[in-house]
């Protein structure tokens, strides 16, 4: 029998785990309760409403419900999609930078399924990133599908990245 070598806190590849007796199929409870944490260090959790608020402020972005999943489109391209249980956010990210992003924090980010690797996607667990980071990820996904003229109008000349 193979031993599972994933971190004790969370299994980043639980949907693709090849170990039959993997016991890490859910997020373990936090070691500290919310009451004992200092209010200054408490993270603001990312919710579906916050993602919706950020995505719908972007020009040419619309919200759709497709097969019980909330998806945000920039034109015809899906820039972000929530899983059915709203625990995972799939967002657009350049293919060249995808491996580096997942390697930087494998607990927070994961590759999409093998069939979805052809798209420019990365998955983020909603329990991990903070609101500011998730806002940056959604805006970054939007820059992949929005026209450069619209991006410049929204973000300004100085914030526009030439590689997108």
N, C-alpha and C. Protein backbone atom coordinates (compact mmCIF):
# COMPACT_ATOMS: atom_id res chain seq x y z
N UNK A 1 0.84 -1.18 0.00
CA UNK A 1 0.00 0.00 0.00
C UNK A 1 0.89 1.25 0.00
N UNK A 2 0.56 2.20 -0.85
CA UNK A 2 1.33 3.44 -0.94
C UNK A 2 0.89 4.41 0.14
N UNK A 3 1.84 5.15 0.68
CA UNK A 3 1.51 6.18 1.65
C UNK A 3 1.27 7.48 0.92
N UNK A 4 0.32 8.22 1.39
CA UNK A 4 0.00 9.52 0.81
C UNK A 4 1.03 10.52 1.31
N UNK A 5 1.67 11.26 0.39
CA UNK A 5 2.72 12.19 0.76
C UNK A 5 2.29 13.65 0.70
N UNK A 6 1.02 13.90 0.72
CA UNK A 6 0.54 15.27 0.65
C UNK A 6 0.55 15.91 2.03
N UNK A 7 0.51 17.23 2.09
CA UNK A 7 0.51 17.88 3.41
C UNK A 7 -0.68 17.45 4.25
N UNK A 8 -0.49 17.49 5.55
CA UNK A 8 -1.56 17.07 6.46
C UNK A 8 -2.78 17.98 6.38
N UNK A 9 -2.56 19.24 6.04
CA UNK A 9 -3.67 20.18 6.08
C UNK A 9 -4.64 20.01 4.92
N UNK A 10 -4.14 19.69 3.73
CA UNK A 10 -5.01 19.67 2.57
C UNK A 10 -4.36 18.89 1.44
N UNK A 11 -5.12 18.15 0.71
CA UNK A 11 -4.60 17.37 -0.41
C UNK A 11 -4.81 18.18 -1.69
N UNK A 12 -3.75 18.71 -2.31
CA UNK A 12 -3.92 19.57 -3.47
C UNK A 12 -4.36 18.83 -4.73
N UNK A 13 -4.25 17.52 -4.74
CA UNK A 13 -4.62 16.77 -5.95
C UNK A 13 -5.69 15.74 -5.64
N UNK A 14 -6.59 16.04 -4.73
CA UNK A 14 -7.55 15.05 -4.28
C UNK A 14 -8.41 14.48 -5.40
N UNK A 15 -8.72 15.27 -6.42
CA UNK A 15 -9.56 14.76 -7.50
C UNK A 15 -8.78 13.88 -8.45
N UNK A 16 -7.43 13.99 -8.45
CA UNK A 16 -6.62 13.18 -9.34
C UNK A 16 -5.68 12.25 -8.59
N UNK A 17 -5.92 12.03 -7.31
CA UNK A 17 -5.04 11.22 -6.49
C UNK A 17 -5.09 9.76 -6.94
N UNK A 18 -3.92 9.17 -7.15
CA UNK A 18 -3.85 7.78 -7.62
C UNK A 18 -3.74 6.79 -6.47
N UNK A 19 -3.67 7.29 -5.26
CA UNK A 19 -3.57 6.42 -4.11
C UNK A 19 -4.98 6.03 -3.69
N UNK A 20 -5.24 4.74 -3.65
CA UNK A 20 -6.60 4.27 -3.41
C UNK A 20 -7.11 4.60 -2.01
N UNK A 21 -6.27 4.51 -1.03
CA UNK A 21 -6.70 4.71 0.35
C UNK A 21 -6.32 6.09 0.88
N UNK A 22 -6.35 7.06 0.02
CA UNK A 22 -6.02 8.42 0.45
C UNK A 22 -7.10 8.93 1.39
N UNK A 23 -6.71 9.31 2.59
CA UNK A 23 -7.67 9.76 3.59
C UNK A 23 -7.88 11.27 3.55
N UNK A 24 -7.11 11.97 2.75
CA UNK A 24 -7.20 13.42 2.74
C UNK A 24 -8.12 13.89 1.62
N UNK A 25 -9.38 13.65 1.77
CA UNK A 25 -10.35 14.02 0.73
C UNK A 25 -11.13 15.27 1.08
N UNK A 26 -10.83 15.87 2.20
CA UNK A 26 -11.53 17.10 2.59
C UNK A 26 -10.57 17.98 3.36
N UNK A 27 -10.92 19.21 3.51
CA UNK A 27 -10.09 20.15 4.26
C UNK A 27 -10.19 19.82 5.74
N UNK A 28 -9.04 19.71 6.36
CA UNK A 28 -9.01 19.44 7.79
C UNK A 28 -9.41 20.71 8.54
N UNK A 29 -9.99 20.56 9.72
CA UNK A 29 -10.35 21.76 10.48
C UNK A 29 -9.11 22.56 10.87
N UNK A 30 -9.27 23.83 10.98
CA UNK A 30 -8.17 24.71 11.33
C UNK A 30 -7.67 24.39 12.73
N UNK A 31 -6.40 24.66 12.98
CA UNK A 31 -5.82 24.36 14.29
C UNK A 31 -6.26 25.36 15.35
N UNK A 32 -6.60 26.56 14.93
CA UNK A 32 -7.05 27.58 15.87
C UNK A 32 -8.48 27.93 15.56
N UNK A 33 -9.24 28.19 16.58
CA UNK A 33 -10.62 28.61 16.34
C UNK A 33 -10.62 30.10 15.98
N UNK A 34 -11.69 30.55 15.36
CA UNK A 34 -11.80 31.94 14.97
C UNK A 34 -11.80 32.87 16.17
N UNK A 35 -12.30 32.41 17.29
CA UNK A 35 -12.35 33.27 18.47
C UNK A 35 -10.96 33.55 19.04
N UNK A 36 -10.03 32.61 18.89
CA UNK A 36 -8.71 32.79 19.49
C UNK A 36 -7.76 33.56 18.59
N UNK A 37 -8.12 33.73 17.32
CA UNK A 37 -7.25 34.49 16.43
C UNK A 37 -7.35 35.97 16.74
N UNK A 38 -6.25 36.64 16.55
CA UNK A 38 -6.24 38.09 16.72
C UNK A 38 -7.00 38.71 15.56
N UNK A 39 -7.81 39.69 15.81
CA UNK A 39 -8.62 40.30 14.76
C UNK A 39 -7.76 40.97 13.69
N UNK A 40 -6.55 41.40 14.05
CA UNK A 40 -5.68 42.04 13.07
C UNK A 40 -5.11 41.03 12.07
N UNK A 41 -4.93 39.78 12.48
CA UNK A 41 -4.36 38.77 11.59
C UNK A 41 -5.42 37.91 10.92
N UNK A 42 -6.67 38.14 11.22
CA UNK A 42 -7.75 37.34 10.64
C UNK A 42 -7.89 37.65 9.16
N UNK A 43 -7.90 36.61 8.33
CA UNK A 43 -8.07 36.78 6.90
C UNK A 43 -9.54 36.99 6.56
N UNK A 44 -9.77 37.77 5.54
CA UNK A 44 -11.13 37.96 5.05
C UNK A 44 -11.40 36.85 4.04
N UNK A 45 -12.39 36.01 4.26
CA UNK A 45 -12.61 34.91 3.33
C UNK A 45 -13.20 35.40 2.01
N UNK A 46 -12.84 34.68 0.96
CA UNK A 46 -13.37 35.00 -0.36
C UNK A 46 -14.72 34.31 -0.50
N UNK A 47 -15.71 35.06 -0.93
CA UNK A 47 -17.03 34.49 -1.14
C UNK A 47 -17.43 34.67 -2.60
N UNK A 48 -18.45 33.94 -2.98
CA UNK A 48 -18.96 34.05 -4.34
C UNK A 48 -19.47 35.46 -4.62
N UNK A 49 -20.08 36.08 -3.63
CA UNK A 49 -20.59 37.44 -3.81
C UNK A 49 -19.46 38.43 -4.09
N UNK A 50 -18.32 38.25 -3.43
CA UNK A 50 -17.20 39.16 -3.65
C UNK A 50 -16.59 38.97 -5.04
N UNK A 51 -16.51 37.73 -5.48
CA UNK A 51 -16.01 37.47 -6.83
C UNK A 51 -16.97 38.05 -7.86
N UNK A 52 -18.26 37.86 -7.64
CA UNK A 52 -19.28 38.40 -8.54
C UNK A 52 -19.18 39.93 -8.60
N UNK A 53 -19.00 40.56 -7.44
CA UNK A 53 -18.91 42.02 -7.40
C UNK A 53 -17.71 42.52 -8.20
N UNK A 54 -16.58 41.85 -8.09
CA UNK A 54 -15.38 42.26 -8.83
C UNK A 54 -15.56 42.00 -10.32
N UNK A 55 -16.02 40.83 -10.68
CA UNK A 55 -16.12 40.46 -12.09
C UNK A 55 -17.12 41.33 -12.83
N UNK A 56 -18.24 41.64 -12.22
CA UNK A 56 -19.26 42.39 -12.93
C UNK A 56 -18.95 43.88 -13.04
N UNK A 57 -17.93 44.37 -12.33
CA UNK A 57 -17.52 45.76 -12.51
C UNK A 57 -16.62 45.92 -13.73
N UNK A 58 -16.10 44.82 -14.25
CA UNK A 58 -15.22 44.89 -15.41
C UNK A 58 -16.04 45.07 -16.69
N UNK A 59 -15.58 45.92 -17.60
CA UNK A 59 -16.34 46.15 -18.84
C UNK A 59 -16.48 44.88 -19.67
N UNK A 60 -17.62 44.74 -20.32
CA UNK A 60 -17.94 43.64 -21.22
C UNK A 60 -17.97 42.28 -20.53
N UNK A 61 -18.16 42.26 -19.24
CA UNK A 61 -18.23 41.00 -18.50
C UNK A 61 -19.67 40.71 -18.13
N UNK A 62 -20.07 39.45 -18.37
CA UNK A 62 -21.43 39.02 -18.04
C UNK A 62 -21.38 37.76 -17.20
N UNK A 63 -22.44 37.55 -16.43
CA UNK A 63 -22.54 36.35 -15.58
C UNK A 63 -23.52 35.39 -16.22
N UNK A 64 -23.17 34.10 -16.21
CA UNK A 64 -24.04 33.07 -16.79
C UNK A 64 -24.12 31.90 -15.83
N UNK A 65 -25.23 31.19 -15.86
CA UNK A 65 -25.39 29.96 -15.10
C UNK A 65 -25.46 28.83 -16.12
N UNK A 66 -24.41 28.02 -16.18
CA UNK A 66 -24.30 26.93 -17.15
C UNK A 66 -24.08 25.63 -16.40
N UNK A 67 -25.01 24.70 -16.54
CA UNK A 67 -24.96 23.39 -15.86
C UNK A 67 -24.70 23.55 -14.37
N UNK A 68 -25.46 24.40 -13.72
CA UNK A 68 -25.37 24.67 -12.29
C UNK A 68 -24.04 25.27 -11.86
N UNK A 69 -23.32 25.88 -12.77
CA UNK A 69 -22.06 26.54 -12.44
C UNK A 69 -22.16 28.01 -12.83
N UNK A 70 -21.66 28.86 -11.96
CA UNK A 70 -21.62 30.29 -12.26
C UNK A 70 -20.36 30.56 -13.06
N UNK A 71 -20.53 31.18 -14.23
CA UNK A 71 -19.39 31.51 -15.08
C UNK A 71 -19.46 32.97 -15.46
N UNK A 72 -18.29 33.58 -15.53
CA UNK A 72 -18.17 34.97 -15.93
C UNK A 72 -17.46 35.01 -17.26
N UNK A 73 -18.07 35.68 -18.22
CA UNK A 73 -17.51 35.75 -19.56
C UNK A 73 -17.13 37.16 -19.91
N UNK A 74 -16.01 37.26 -20.61
CA UNK A 74 -15.61 38.51 -21.24
C UNK A 74 -15.81 38.32 -22.72
N UNK A 75 -16.92 38.80 -23.25
CA UNK A 75 -17.29 38.48 -24.63
C UNK A 75 -17.78 37.05 -24.67
N UNK A 76 -17.13 36.21 -25.47
CA UNK A 76 -17.51 34.80 -25.54
C UNK A 76 -16.56 33.90 -24.75
N UNK A 77 -15.50 34.45 -24.22
CA UNK A 77 -14.49 33.68 -23.51
C UNK A 77 -14.78 33.67 -22.02
N UNK A 78 -14.73 32.49 -21.42
CA UNK A 78 -14.95 32.37 -19.98
C UNK A 78 -13.68 32.82 -19.27
N UNK A 79 -13.79 33.85 -18.43
CA UNK A 79 -12.62 34.33 -17.71
C UNK A 79 -12.53 33.74 -16.31
N UNK A 80 -13.66 33.37 -15.73
CA UNK A 80 -13.66 32.74 -14.41
C UNK A 80 -14.92 31.89 -14.28
N UNK A 81 -14.78 30.77 -13.56
CA UNK A 81 -15.92 29.87 -13.35
C UNK A 81 -15.81 29.28 -11.95
N UNK A 82 -16.94 29.18 -11.29
CA UNK A 82 -16.99 28.58 -9.96
C UNK A 82 -17.46 27.14 -10.08
N UNK A 83 -16.96 26.28 -9.21
CA UNK A 83 -17.41 24.89 -9.19
C UNK A 83 -18.84 24.83 -8.69
N UNK A 84 -19.46 23.68 -8.83
CA UNK A 84 -20.86 23.55 -8.40
C UNK A 84 -21.05 23.84 -6.92
N UNK A 85 -20.10 23.39 -6.11
CA UNK A 85 -20.21 23.63 -4.67
C UNK A 85 -19.57 24.95 -4.25
N UNK A 86 -19.07 25.71 -5.21
CA UNK A 86 -18.49 27.04 -5.01
C UNK A 86 -17.30 27.03 -4.06
N UNK A 87 -16.50 25.98 -4.11
CA UNK A 87 -15.29 25.91 -3.31
C UNK A 87 -14.04 26.12 -4.14
N UNK A 88 -14.16 26.04 -5.46
CA UNK A 88 -13.01 26.18 -6.36
C UNK A 88 -13.36 27.21 -7.42
N UNK A 89 -12.41 28.10 -7.69
CA UNK A 89 -12.56 29.08 -8.75
C UNK A 89 -11.57 28.75 -9.84
N UNK A 90 -12.06 28.52 -11.04
CA UNK A 90 -11.20 28.35 -12.20
C UNK A 90 -11.09 29.70 -12.88
N UNK A 91 -9.87 30.13 -13.17
CA UNK A 91 -9.68 31.44 -13.77
C UNK A 91 -8.64 31.35 -14.88
N UNK A 92 -8.72 32.27 -15.80
CA UNK A 92 -7.78 32.31 -16.90
C UNK A 92 -6.40 32.73 -16.44
N UNK A 93 -5.39 32.06 -16.99
CA UNK A 93 -4.00 32.37 -16.65
C UNK A 93 -3.15 31.91 -17.82
N UNK A 94 -2.11 32.65 -18.22
CA UNK A 94 -1.31 32.24 -19.38
C UNK A 94 -0.69 30.86 -19.19
N UNK A 95 -0.70 30.07 -20.25
CA UNK A 95 -0.15 28.71 -20.19
C UNK A 95 1.31 28.69 -19.76
N UNK A 96 2.08 29.67 -20.22
CA UNK A 96 3.51 29.71 -19.93
C UNK A 96 3.78 29.91 -18.44
N UNK A 97 2.89 30.57 -17.75
CA UNK A 97 3.09 30.88 -16.34
C UNK A 97 2.33 29.95 -15.40
N UNK A 98 1.58 29.02 -15.97
CA UNK A 98 0.71 28.16 -15.16
C UNK A 98 1.51 27.27 -14.21
N UNK A 99 2.54 26.63 -14.69
CA UNK A 99 3.33 25.73 -13.83
C UNK A 99 3.99 26.48 -12.69
N UNK A 100 4.50 27.66 -12.96
CA UNK A 100 5.16 28.45 -11.92
C UNK A 100 4.16 28.88 -10.84
N UNK A 101 2.95 29.22 -11.25
CA UNK A 101 1.92 29.63 -10.28
C UNK A 101 1.54 28.47 -9.37
N UNK A 102 1.31 27.31 -9.94
CA UNK A 102 0.93 26.15 -9.13
C UNK A 102 2.09 25.72 -8.23
N UNK A 103 3.32 25.78 -8.75
CA UNK A 103 4.49 25.41 -7.94
C UNK A 103 4.73 26.39 -6.81
N UNK A 104 4.34 27.65 -6.98
CA UNK A 104 4.56 28.64 -5.93
C UNK A 104 3.74 28.36 -4.68
N UNK A 105 2.53 27.82 -4.86
CA UNK A 105 1.68 27.50 -3.71
C UNK A 105 0.73 26.37 -4.10
N UNK A 106 1.15 25.11 -3.99
CA UNK A 106 0.30 24.00 -4.42
C UNK A 106 -0.92 23.77 -3.53
N UNK A 107 -0.95 24.35 -2.35
CA UNK A 107 -2.13 24.23 -1.50
C UNK A 107 -3.23 25.16 -2.01
N UNK A 108 -2.85 26.31 -2.50
CA UNK A 108 -3.80 27.31 -2.96
C UNK A 108 -4.23 27.08 -4.40
N UNK A 109 -3.28 26.72 -5.28
CA UNK A 109 -3.55 26.57 -6.70
C UNK A 109 -3.39 25.13 -7.16
N UNK A 110 -4.13 24.77 -8.20
CA UNK A 110 -4.05 23.42 -8.75
C UNK A 110 -4.30 23.49 -10.25
N UNK A 111 -3.77 22.49 -10.95
CA UNK A 111 -4.03 22.38 -12.38
C UNK A 111 -5.47 21.92 -12.60
N UNK A 112 -6.05 22.30 -13.73
CA UNK A 112 -7.38 21.77 -14.05
C UNK A 112 -7.27 20.30 -14.46
N UNK A 113 -8.39 19.68 -14.75
CA UNK A 113 -8.37 18.28 -15.17
C UNK A 113 -7.60 18.16 -16.48
N UNK A 114 -7.19 16.94 -16.80
CA UNK A 114 -6.37 16.70 -17.99
C UNK A 114 -7.07 17.19 -19.25
N UNK A 115 -8.38 17.01 -19.34
CA UNK A 115 -9.10 17.44 -20.53
C UNK A 115 -9.19 18.96 -20.64
N UNK A 116 -9.06 19.67 -19.53
CA UNK A 116 -9.11 21.14 -19.54
C UNK A 116 -7.74 21.80 -19.62
N UNK A 117 -6.68 21.01 -19.72
CA UNK A 117 -5.34 21.58 -19.81
C UNK A 117 -5.13 22.34 -21.11
N UNK A 118 -5.98 22.10 -22.11
CA UNK A 118 -5.83 22.81 -23.39
C UNK A 118 -6.26 24.27 -23.27
N UNK A 119 -7.03 24.60 -22.24
CA UNK A 119 -7.45 25.97 -22.01
C UNK A 119 -6.44 26.67 -21.11
N UNK A 120 -6.48 27.98 -21.12
CA UNK A 120 -5.59 28.77 -20.24
C UNK A 120 -6.27 28.90 -18.89
N UNK A 121 -6.21 27.87 -18.07
CA UNK A 121 -6.92 27.83 -16.80
C UNK A 121 -6.01 27.37 -15.66
N UNK A 122 -6.34 27.85 -14.47
CA UNK A 122 -5.76 27.37 -13.22
C UNK A 122 -6.91 27.38 -12.21
N UNK A 123 -6.88 26.48 -11.26
CA UNK A 123 -7.91 26.44 -10.21
C UNK A 123 -7.33 26.99 -8.91
N UNK A 124 -8.16 27.71 -8.19
CA UNK A 124 -7.79 28.23 -6.87
C UNK A 124 -8.86 27.81 -5.87
N UNK A 125 -8.42 27.31 -4.73
CA UNK A 125 -9.37 26.93 -3.68
C UNK A 125 -9.83 28.19 -2.97
N UNK A 126 -11.12 28.34 -2.82
CA UNK A 126 -11.69 29.57 -2.27
C UNK A 126 -11.31 29.80 -0.82
N UNK A 127 -10.96 28.76 -0.09
CA UNK A 127 -10.62 28.91 1.33
C UNK A 127 -9.23 29.51 1.52
N UNK A 128 -8.39 29.46 0.50
CA UNK A 128 -6.99 29.85 0.67
C UNK A 128 -6.68 31.32 0.36
N UNK A 129 -6.98 31.83 -0.85
CA UNK A 129 -6.53 33.19 -1.16
C UNK A 129 -7.33 34.26 -0.43
N UNK A 130 -6.70 35.41 -0.28
CA UNK A 130 -7.38 36.55 0.33
C UNK A 130 -8.13 37.32 -0.75
N UNK A 131 -8.97 38.24 -0.33
CA UNK A 131 -9.82 38.97 -1.25
C UNK A 131 -8.98 39.77 -2.25
N UNK A 132 -7.92 40.43 -1.78
CA UNK A 132 -7.09 41.24 -2.67
C UNK A 132 -6.43 40.37 -3.74
N UNK A 133 -5.94 39.21 -3.34
CA UNK A 133 -5.29 38.31 -4.30
C UNK A 133 -6.30 37.76 -5.30
N UNK A 134 -7.48 37.40 -4.85
CA UNK A 134 -8.50 36.89 -5.76
C UNK A 134 -8.95 37.99 -6.73
N UNK A 135 -9.00 39.22 -6.27
CA UNK A 135 -9.34 40.34 -7.15
C UNK A 135 -8.31 40.47 -8.26
N UNK A 136 -7.03 40.36 -7.90
CA UNK A 136 -5.97 40.42 -8.90
C UNK A 136 -6.07 39.27 -9.90
N UNK A 137 -6.42 38.09 -9.42
CA UNK A 137 -6.54 36.93 -10.32
C UNK A 137 -7.68 37.11 -11.31
N UNK A 138 -8.81 37.61 -10.84
CA UNK A 138 -9.97 37.81 -11.73
C UNK A 138 -9.68 38.91 -12.74
N UNK A 139 -9.06 40.00 -12.31
CA UNK A 139 -8.71 41.07 -13.25
C UNK A 139 -7.65 40.59 -14.24
N UNK A 140 -6.71 39.80 -13.78
CA UNK A 140 -5.72 39.22 -14.69
C UNK A 140 -6.35 38.31 -15.73
N UNK A 141 -7.34 37.53 -15.32
CA UNK A 141 -8.05 36.67 -16.27
C UNK A 141 -8.83 37.51 -17.28
N UNK A 142 -9.39 38.62 -16.81
CA UNK A 142 -10.13 39.50 -17.70
C UNK A 142 -9.21 40.12 -18.75
N UNK A 143 -7.96 40.45 -18.37
CA UNK A 143 -7.04 41.05 -19.34
C UNK A 143 -6.67 40.09 -20.46
N UNK A 144 -6.83 38.79 -20.24
CA UNK A 144 -6.54 37.82 -21.29
C UNK A 144 -7.59 37.85 -22.40
N UNK A 145 -8.81 38.23 -22.08
CA UNK A 145 -9.88 38.14 -23.08
C UNK A 145 -10.45 39.49 -23.50
N UNK A 146 -10.06 40.56 -22.84
CA UNK A 146 -10.59 41.88 -23.19
C UNK A 146 -9.70 42.54 -24.24
N UNK A 147 -10.28 43.38 -25.10
CA UNK A 147 -9.48 44.12 -26.07
C UNK A 147 -8.53 45.09 -25.36
N UNK A 148 -7.37 45.32 -25.97
CA UNK A 148 -6.36 46.17 -25.35
C UNK A 148 -6.88 47.59 -25.12
N UNK A 149 -7.71 48.07 -26.00
CA UNK A 149 -8.28 49.41 -25.86
C UNK A 149 -9.14 49.51 -24.60
N UNK A 150 -9.92 48.48 -24.33
CA UNK A 150 -10.78 48.45 -23.14
C UNK A 150 -9.93 48.31 -21.88
N UNK A 151 -8.88 47.50 -21.95
CA UNK A 151 -7.99 47.32 -20.79
C UNK A 151 -7.32 48.64 -20.44
N UNK A 152 -6.83 49.36 -21.45
CA UNK A 152 -6.18 50.65 -21.20
C UNK A 152 -7.17 51.65 -20.59
N UNK A 153 -8.40 51.63 -21.07
CA UNK A 153 -9.41 52.55 -20.53
C UNK A 153 -9.73 52.23 -19.08
N UNK A 154 -9.74 50.96 -18.72
CA UNK A 154 -10.10 50.54 -17.37
C UNK A 154 -8.93 50.67 -16.39
N UNK A 155 -7.76 50.17 -16.79
CA UNK A 155 -6.62 50.11 -15.88
C UNK A 155 -5.66 51.28 -16.05
N UNK A 156 -5.70 51.96 -17.16
CA UNK A 156 -4.78 53.06 -17.41
C UNK A 156 -3.54 52.57 -18.13
N UNK A 157 -2.80 53.49 -18.72
CA UNK A 157 -1.60 53.16 -19.49
C UNK A 157 -0.52 52.52 -18.62
N UNK A 158 -0.34 53.02 -17.41
CA UNK A 158 0.76 52.56 -16.57
C UNK A 158 0.54 51.15 -16.04
N UNK A 159 -0.69 50.73 -15.87
CA UNK A 159 -0.98 49.41 -15.31
C UNK A 159 -1.14 48.33 -16.37
N UNK A 160 -1.14 48.72 -17.63
CA UNK A 160 -1.35 47.75 -18.69
C UNK A 160 -0.07 46.95 -18.92
N UNK A 161 -0.20 45.63 -18.92
CA UNK A 161 0.93 44.75 -19.15
C UNK A 161 0.98 44.39 -20.62
N UNK A 162 2.11 44.59 -21.26
CA UNK A 162 2.21 44.40 -22.71
C UNK A 162 2.11 42.94 -23.14
N UNK A 163 2.37 41.98 -22.25
CA UNK A 163 2.32 40.59 -22.65
C UNK A 163 0.91 40.08 -22.79
N UNK A 164 -0.10 40.78 -22.33
CA UNK A 164 -1.50 40.30 -22.42
C UNK A 164 -2.16 40.89 -23.61
